[in-house]
Amino acid sequence: MRLLALLLSFLFAQPSAAETVRLGDRWYDIALPANPSGAPLILALHGGGGTPDQFASASGLSRAATRAGFAVAFPAGSGRRDERLLTWNGGYCCGYAARRGVDDVGFLKQVIEDASSRFGVDGSGVYLTSMSNGSILAETFAAQYPCLVRAVAGVSGTMDTGRIRVQGKVPAMIIHGTADTMVPYAGGQGDTSLTRTNFASVASVVKAFLTPWGSTTQTSRSIDSKDDGTSVTVTDHAPGSRVVLCLITIEGGAHHWPGGRKARLKEGKTQEIDANIEILRFFKANP
């Protein structure tokens, strides 16, 4: 009987499976922790041409985050004909959403409000993480509405720093590879980019999010424990004891979610770090 009780308690303590919520002609998937009441909420935005389900599967974020007590909402971008190949309007990119001027900032606010009222998660301040085109929107949202955001973590995407100013103090993590040919680390047009966007540099995004904090100290450390052709430099910026901006530069890293699945990627797939571990650690440090 004792063994049965332990098994039942283990089963009932597991995070729930993802649920799809329709909001008019848009939707989001949400994965909840065992106790969703008051749980911190992460918005996880897929890359251009992706979907909520694809990003959840490729990143593996749902399992890691819900086990850590977070709720994770995967909003859906918009597309021309169907519910695949979805994009976000991040201002200067990308695809259908940008061409049509879709109000994706408004949609994210709607997702936050709905998830809070429907599932009881904490919508008073959210975390955002994202990939590529999703990072452009996540960083833009955090820059424009710092009062709604606890922290943001973008992977392989840079917001339009030529037009967007960060309106307040927002802790930020930036993960980007130096061999990214879609969104170049140094900025400009990517050799393999599907758009002709003149992307902002990673350095300009770092500067934009650091500016509201004023003077900070900088420390760096290197990670190179795997024979995978990449190495990692982690640069922390802190005005005091708390890191408010963490730049993770993947030397030789391609357009990829570290630790995620991408079978077609042969080079530039780092094994030095796991994005989920780094991002969740950063979010926990910024409650």
Foldseek 3Di string as FASTA:
>chain_A
DVVVVVVVVVVLQAKDDWDWDDDDPWIKIKTAASQQAAFAEEEEEEAAQAFQVRCCQQQVQRRLQSVVRHMYIYTAADDDPDRTRHADCLPQDDDPCVVVVPPVLVVVVVVLVCCCVPVNYDQQAHEYEYAARSLSNQLQSCQVCVRRYLAYEYENYAHDLVPTARPAAHQYEYEYECAAQQAHQCFQHGPPHPDRGGGHHPVSSVCRNCVRVPDWDKDKDKFDDDPQQKIWIWIFTGNPPATRYIYIYIYFAYRGQAPGDDPVDDTRRDPRDRNSVVVVVNSVSRD
